[in-house]
Amino acid sequence: MDDRSFDSLTRHAAGGVSRRGSLITLGAAGLAATLSAPFAVEAKKKHGRKKKRQQSPPPPDRCAPQVAPCTVFMTTVCGGAAACPNQIACCSHLGSCDTSGFFACQIRAQG
């Protein structure tokens, strides 16, 4: 094949196809390849350590420490009255956060 015959062959082959037509053909081929494959969506894998849930410590018992100061206070205030042991015994209600029970016990002890 000489140079002239090769040039005429390429001109003849290229004459029927335009630049726009070849770009449309390439785009359609790419689109067909994309649509023919199934869409596979996967969740991202987490690598590394998982965080452990930290358990909160139990709330501190705020009522139990009130019994001793109440006992000391009631002993000081009573001073040896007849109702004093009953009033001091009422402090045990504060250990379970029962303030209404404490005041009711105090009223009964005085009366």
N, C-alpha and C. Protein backbone atom coordinates (compact mmCIF):
# COMPACT_ATOMS: atom_id res chain seq x y z
N MET A 1 0.84 -1.16 0.00
CA MET A 1 0.00 0.00 0.00
C MET A 1 0.90 1.23 0.00
N ASP A 2 0.65 2.11 -0.91
CA ASP A 2 1.46 3.32 -0.96
C ASP A 2 0.77 4.45 -0.19
N ASP A 3 1.44 5.57 -0.11
CA ASP A 3 0.91 6.68 0.69
C ASP A 3 -0.40 7.23 0.14
N ARG A 4 -0.51 7.26 -1.17
CA ARG A 4 -1.72 7.82 -1.76
C ARG A 4 -2.94 6.94 -1.51
N SER A 5 -2.79 5.66 -1.60
CA SER A 5 -3.94 4.78 -1.39
C SER A 5 -4.38 4.79 0.09
N PHE A 6 -3.41 4.89 1.01
CA PHE A 6 -3.75 4.93 2.43
C PHE A 6 -4.49 6.22 2.76
N ASP A 7 -4.03 7.35 2.19
CA ASP A 7 -4.69 8.63 2.44
C ASP A 7 -6.10 8.63 1.89
N SER A 8 -6.28 8.07 0.73
CA SER A 8 -7.62 8.05 0.14
C SER A 8 -8.55 7.13 0.95
N LEU A 9 -7.99 6.06 1.48
CA LEU A 9 -8.79 5.14 2.30
C LEU A 9 -9.24 5.81 3.59
N THR A 10 -8.35 6.53 4.25
CA THR A 10 -8.72 7.21 5.49
C THR A 10 -9.70 8.34 5.24
N ARG A 11 -9.51 9.08 4.12
CA ARG A 11 -10.47 10.13 3.81
C ARG A 11 -11.84 9.56 3.53
N HIS A 12 -11.88 8.47 2.84
CA HIS A 12 -13.14 7.83 2.52
C HIS A 12 -13.84 7.32 3.80
N ALA A 13 -13.07 6.72 4.72
CA ALA A 13 -13.63 6.20 5.96
C ALA A 13 -14.08 7.34 6.87
N ALA A 14 -13.32 8.41 6.91
CA ALA A 14 -13.64 9.53 7.77
C ALA A 14 -14.71 10.42 7.17
N GLY A 15 -14.95 10.32 5.94
CA GLY A 15 -15.94 11.18 5.28
C GLY A 15 -17.35 10.92 5.75
N GLY A 16 -17.69 9.70 6.12
CA GLY A 16 -19.04 9.37 6.53
C GLY A 16 -19.32 9.65 8.00
N VAL A 17 -18.30 9.90 8.79
CA VAL A 17 -18.48 10.09 10.22
C VAL A 17 -18.02 11.50 10.60
N SER A 18 -18.89 12.23 11.27
CA SER A 18 -18.52 13.56 11.73
C SER A 18 -17.98 13.50 13.16
N ARG A 19 -17.39 14.58 13.58
CA ARG A 19 -16.85 14.64 14.93
C ARG A 19 -17.99 14.55 15.96
N ARG A 20 -19.08 15.23 15.70
CA ARG A 20 -20.22 15.22 16.61
C ARG A 20 -20.82 13.82 16.69
N GLY A 21 -20.91 13.15 15.59
CA GLY A 21 -21.46 11.80 15.57
C GLY A 21 -20.61 10.82 16.36
N SER A 22 -19.29 10.97 16.25
CA SER A 22 -18.41 10.05 16.99
C SER A 22 -18.48 10.32 18.50
N LEU A 23 -18.62 11.59 18.89
CA LEU A 23 -18.75 11.89 20.31
C LEU A 23 -20.07 11.36 20.88
N ILE A 24 -21.14 11.46 20.10
CA ILE A 24 -22.42 10.92 20.55
C ILE A 24 -22.34 9.41 20.69
N THR A 25 -21.65 8.76 19.76
CA THR A 25 -21.49 7.30 19.81
C THR A 25 -20.69 6.89 21.04
N LEU A 26 -19.60 7.61 21.33
CA LEU A 26 -18.81 7.29 22.51
C LEU A 26 -19.60 7.53 23.80
N GLY A 27 -20.36 8.62 23.85
CA GLY A 27 -21.17 8.91 25.03
C GLY A 27 -22.24 7.86 25.26
N ALA A 28 -22.87 7.43 24.19
CA ALA A 28 -23.91 6.41 24.30
C ALA A 28 -23.32 5.09 24.76
N ALA A 29 -22.11 4.76 24.29
CA ALA A 29 -21.46 3.52 24.71
C ALA A 29 -21.13 3.58 26.21
N GLY A 30 -20.64 4.72 26.67
CA GLY A 30 -20.33 4.86 28.10
C GLY A 30 -21.57 4.79 28.96
N LEU A 31 -22.66 5.42 28.49
CA LEU A 31 -23.92 5.39 29.23
C LEU A 31 -24.49 3.97 29.27
N ALA A 32 -24.40 3.27 28.17
CA ALA A 32 -24.89 1.89 28.13
C ALA A 32 -24.09 1.00 29.08
N ALA A 33 -22.79 1.22 29.16
CA ALA A 33 -21.96 0.40 30.05
C ALA A 33 -22.30 0.70 31.50
N THR A 34 -22.60 1.96 31.81
CA THR A 34 -22.95 2.33 33.18
C THR A 34 -24.29 1.75 33.57
N LEU A 35 -25.27 1.83 32.69
CA LEU A 35 -26.62 1.37 33.01
C LEU A 35 -26.75 -0.15 33.00
N SER A 36 -25.87 -0.81 32.28
CA SER A 36 -25.98 -2.27 32.22
C SER A 36 -25.49 -2.92 33.51
N ALA A 37 -24.58 -2.28 34.21
CA ALA A 37 -24.10 -2.83 35.48
C ALA A 37 -25.12 -2.52 36.57
N PRO A 38 -25.40 -3.46 37.45
CA PRO A 38 -26.36 -3.19 38.53
C PRO A 38 -25.78 -2.18 39.52
N PHE A 39 -26.67 -1.38 40.09
CA PHE A 39 -26.22 -0.41 41.09
C PHE A 39 -26.01 -1.14 42.40
N ALA A 40 -24.81 -1.15 42.87
CA ALA A 40 -24.49 -1.81 44.12
C ALA A 40 -24.07 -0.74 45.13
N VAL A 41 -24.86 -0.60 46.15
CA VAL A 41 -24.56 0.37 47.18
C VAL A 41 -24.27 -0.38 48.47
N GLU A 42 -23.15 -0.10 49.07
CA GLU A 42 -22.78 -0.77 50.30
C GLU A 42 -22.48 0.28 51.36
N ALA A 43 -22.73 -0.09 52.58
CA ALA A 43 -22.42 0.81 53.69
C ALA A 43 -20.92 0.85 53.92
N LYS A 44 -20.48 1.97 54.41
CA LYS A 44 -19.07 2.12 54.68
C LYS A 44 -18.70 1.27 55.88
N LYS A 45 -17.64 0.55 55.75
CA LYS A 45 -17.17 -0.32 56.84
C LYS A 45 -16.42 0.53 57.85
N LYS A 46 -16.73 0.31 59.11
CA LYS A 46 -16.01 1.02 60.16
C LYS A 46 -14.88 0.12 60.64
N HIS A 47 -13.72 0.67 60.58
CA HIS A 47 -12.56 -0.05 61.06
C HIS A 47 -12.09 0.62 62.33
N GLY A 48 -11.60 -0.15 63.22
CA GLY A 48 -11.09 0.43 64.46
C GLY A 48 -11.89 -0.07 65.63
N ARG A 49 -11.67 0.56 66.73
CA ARG A 49 -12.33 0.13 67.97
C ARG A 49 -13.72 0.71 68.06
N LYS A 50 -14.59 -0.10 68.60
CA LYS A 50 -15.93 0.37 68.88
C LYS A 50 -15.92 1.02 70.26
N LYS A 51 -16.66 2.09 70.37
CA LYS A 51 -16.73 2.76 71.65
C LYS A 51 -17.71 2.01 72.54
N LYS A 52 -17.28 1.77 73.75
CA LYS A 52 -18.15 1.10 74.70
C LYS A 52 -18.96 2.15 75.43
N ARG A 53 -20.18 1.82 75.68
CA ARG A 53 -21.02 2.72 76.46
C ARG A 53 -20.55 2.71 77.89
N GLN A 54 -20.34 3.89 78.40
CA GLN A 54 -19.94 3.97 79.78
C GLN A 54 -21.18 4.03 80.65
N GLN A 55 -21.20 3.17 81.62
CA GLN A 55 -22.34 3.16 82.53
C GLN A 55 -22.11 4.23 83.57
N SER A 56 -23.14 4.99 83.80
CA SER A 56 -23.00 6.03 84.81
C SER A 56 -23.02 5.40 86.19
N PRO A 57 -22.22 5.95 87.08
CA PRO A 57 -22.21 5.37 88.44
C PRO A 57 -23.54 5.65 89.11
N PRO A 58 -23.90 4.81 90.04
CA PRO A 58 -25.18 5.03 90.73
C PRO A 58 -25.13 6.36 91.48
N PRO A 59 -26.25 7.02 91.57
CA PRO A 59 -26.24 8.31 92.25
C PRO A 59 -25.87 8.13 93.72
N PRO A 60 -25.13 9.08 94.25
CA PRO A 60 -24.74 8.93 95.65
C PRO A 60 -25.95 9.05 96.56
N ASP A 61 -25.89 8.34 97.67
CA ASP A 61 -26.99 8.37 98.63
C ASP A 61 -26.88 9.68 99.41
N ARG A 62 -27.77 10.60 99.14
CA ARG A 62 -27.69 11.92 99.75
C ARG A 62 -28.49 12.01 101.05
N CYS A 63 -29.30 11.04 101.31
CA CYS A 63 -30.15 11.12 102.50
C CYS A 63 -29.52 10.46 103.72
N ALA A 64 -28.81 9.37 103.53
CA ALA A 64 -28.24 8.64 104.68
C ALA A 64 -27.30 9.51 105.51
N PRO A 65 -26.47 10.36 104.91
CA PRO A 65 -25.57 11.18 105.73
C PRO A 65 -26.30 12.23 106.58
N GLN A 66 -27.60 12.41 106.41
CA GLN A 66 -28.33 13.42 107.18
C GLN A 66 -28.73 12.92 108.58
N VAL A 67 -28.67 11.63 108.80
CA VAL A 67 -29.14 11.06 110.07
C VAL A 67 -28.23 11.48 111.23
N ALA A 68 -26.92 11.37 111.06
CA ALA A 68 -25.99 11.68 112.16
C ALA A 68 -26.07 13.16 112.56
N PRO A 69 -26.05 14.13 111.63
CA PRO A 69 -26.17 15.52 112.05
C PRO A 69 -27.52 15.81 112.72
N CYS A 70 -28.58 15.18 112.25
CA CYS A 70 -29.89 15.36 112.85
C CYS A 70 -29.89 14.86 114.29
N THR A 71 -29.28 13.70 114.50
CA THR A 71 -29.22 13.13 115.85
C THR A 71 -28.44 14.05 116.79
N VAL A 72 -27.31 14.57 116.32
CA VAL A 72 -26.51 15.48 117.14
C VAL A 72 -27.29 16.76 117.44
N PHE A 73 -27.95 17.30 116.43
CA PHE A 73 -28.72 18.54 116.60
C PHE A 73 -29.88 18.34 117.58
N MET A 74 -30.63 17.25 117.39
CA MET A 74 -31.79 17.00 118.27
C MET A 74 -31.34 16.74 119.71
N THR A 75 -30.21 16.08 119.91
CA THR A 75 -29.69 15.85 121.25
C THR A 75 -29.32 17.17 121.92
N THR A 76 -28.73 18.07 121.15
CA THR A 76 -28.34 19.38 121.68
C THR A 76 -29.57 20.23 121.99
N VAL A 77 -30.57 20.23 121.13
CA VAL A 77 -31.76 21.06 121.29
C VAL A 77 -32.65 20.53 122.41
N CYS A 78 -32.83 19.22 122.48
CA CYS A 78 -33.72 18.63 123.49
C CYS A 78 -33.25 18.94 124.91
N GLY A 79 -32.03 18.66 125.16
CA GLY A 79 -31.46 18.92 126.47
C GLY A 79 -31.95 18.00 127.56
N GLY A 80 -32.58 16.92 127.31
CA GLY A 80 -32.98 15.98 128.36
C GLY A 80 -34.46 16.00 128.67
N ALA A 81 -35.27 16.53 127.81
CA ALA A 81 -36.72 16.54 128.02
C ALA A 81 -37.25 15.12 127.90
N ALA A 82 -38.47 14.90 128.37
CA ALA A 82 -39.08 13.57 128.36
C ALA A 82 -39.32 13.07 126.94
N ALA A 83 -39.62 13.97 126.01
CA ALA A 83 -39.91 13.59 124.63
C ALA A 83 -38.64 13.48 123.78
N CYS A 84 -37.50 13.76 124.39
CA CYS A 84 -36.24 13.80 123.64
C CYS A 84 -35.90 12.47 122.93
N PRO A 85 -35.97 11.31 123.56
CA PRO A 85 -35.64 10.07 122.84
C PRO A 85 -36.55 9.83 121.64
N ASN A 86 -37.83 10.21 121.75
CA ASN A 86 -38.75 10.03 120.62
C ASN A 86 -38.41 10.97 119.46
N GLN A 87 -38.00 12.21 119.81
CA GLN A 87 -37.63 13.17 118.76
C GLN A 87 -36.34 12.75 118.07
N ILE A 88 -35.39 12.21 118.82
CA ILE A 88 -34.12 11.75 118.22
C ILE A 88 -34.39 10.55 117.32
N ALA A 89 -35.33 9.68 117.71
CA ALA A 89 -35.66 8.51 116.88
C ALA A 89 -36.27 8.93 115.54
N CYS A 90 -36.86 10.12 115.49
CA CYS A 90 -37.46 10.61 114.23
C CYS A 90 -36.41 10.88 113.16
N CYS A 91 -35.16 11.04 113.54
CA CYS A 91 -34.08 11.31 112.57
C CYS A 91 -33.89 10.14 111.60
N SER A 92 -34.31 8.95 112.00
CA SER A 92 -34.15 7.79 111.10
C SER A 92 -34.97 7.94 109.83
N HIS A 93 -36.04 8.75 109.87
CA HIS A 93 -36.84 8.99 108.66
C HIS A 93 -36.04 9.75 107.59
N LEU A 94 -35.12 10.58 108.03
CA LEU A 94 -34.30 11.33 107.08
C LEU A 94 -33.35 10.42 106.30
N GLY A 95 -32.99 9.28 106.87
CA GLY A 95 -32.10 8.34 106.19
C GLY A 95 -32.70 7.76 104.93
N SER A 96 -34.02 7.75 104.83
CA SER A 96 -34.69 7.23 103.63
C SER A 96 -35.36 8.36 102.84
N CYS A 97 -34.92 9.61 103.08
CA CYS A 97 -35.44 10.79 102.38
C CYS A 97 -36.93 11.02 102.64
N ASP A 98 -37.40 10.59 103.77
CA ASP A 98 -38.82 10.75 104.11
C ASP A 98 -38.96 11.98 105.03
N THR A 99 -38.91 13.16 104.44
CA THR A 99 -38.98 14.38 105.25
C THR A 99 -40.37 14.58 105.83
N SER A 100 -41.41 14.22 105.09
CA SER A 100 -42.76 14.38 105.64
C SER A 100 -42.96 13.44 106.83
N GLY A 101 -42.38 12.24 106.76
CA GLY A 101 -42.43 11.31 107.89
C GLY A 101 -41.67 11.85 109.09
N PHE A 102 -40.54 12.54 108.83
CA PHE A 102 -39.75 13.13 109.90
C PHE A 102 -40.57 14.20 110.64
N PHE A 103 -41.20 15.09 109.89
CA PHE A 103 -41.98 16.16 110.54
C PHE A 103 -43.22 15.60 111.25
N ALA A 104 -43.87 14.60 110.67
CA ALA A 104 -45.01 13.98 111.32
C ALA A 104 -44.59 13.30 112.62
N CYS A 105 -43.41 12.65 112.60
CA CYS A 105 -42.88 12.00 113.80
C CYS A 105 -42.57 13.06 114.86
N GLN A 106 -42.01 14.18 114.49
CA GLN A 106 -41.71 15.26 115.43
C GLN A 106 -42.98 15.81 116.08
N ILE A 107 -44.02 15.96 115.30
CA ILE A 107 -45.30 16.46 115.84
C ILE A 107 -45.87 15.46 116.85
N ARG A 108 -45.83 14.17 116.52
CA ARG A 108 -46.35 13.14 117.44
C ARG A 108 -45.51 13.08 118.72
N ALA A 109 -44.18 13.24 118.57
CA ALA A 109 -43.30 13.14 119.73
C ALA A 109 -43.52 14.30 120.70
N GLN A 110 -43.86 15.46 120.22
CA GLN A 110 -44.06 16.62 121.08
C GLN A 110 -45.43 16.59 121.73
N GLY A 111 -46.40 15.99 121.12
CA GLY A 111 -47.78 16.06 121.60
C GLY A 111 -48.17 14.97 122.47
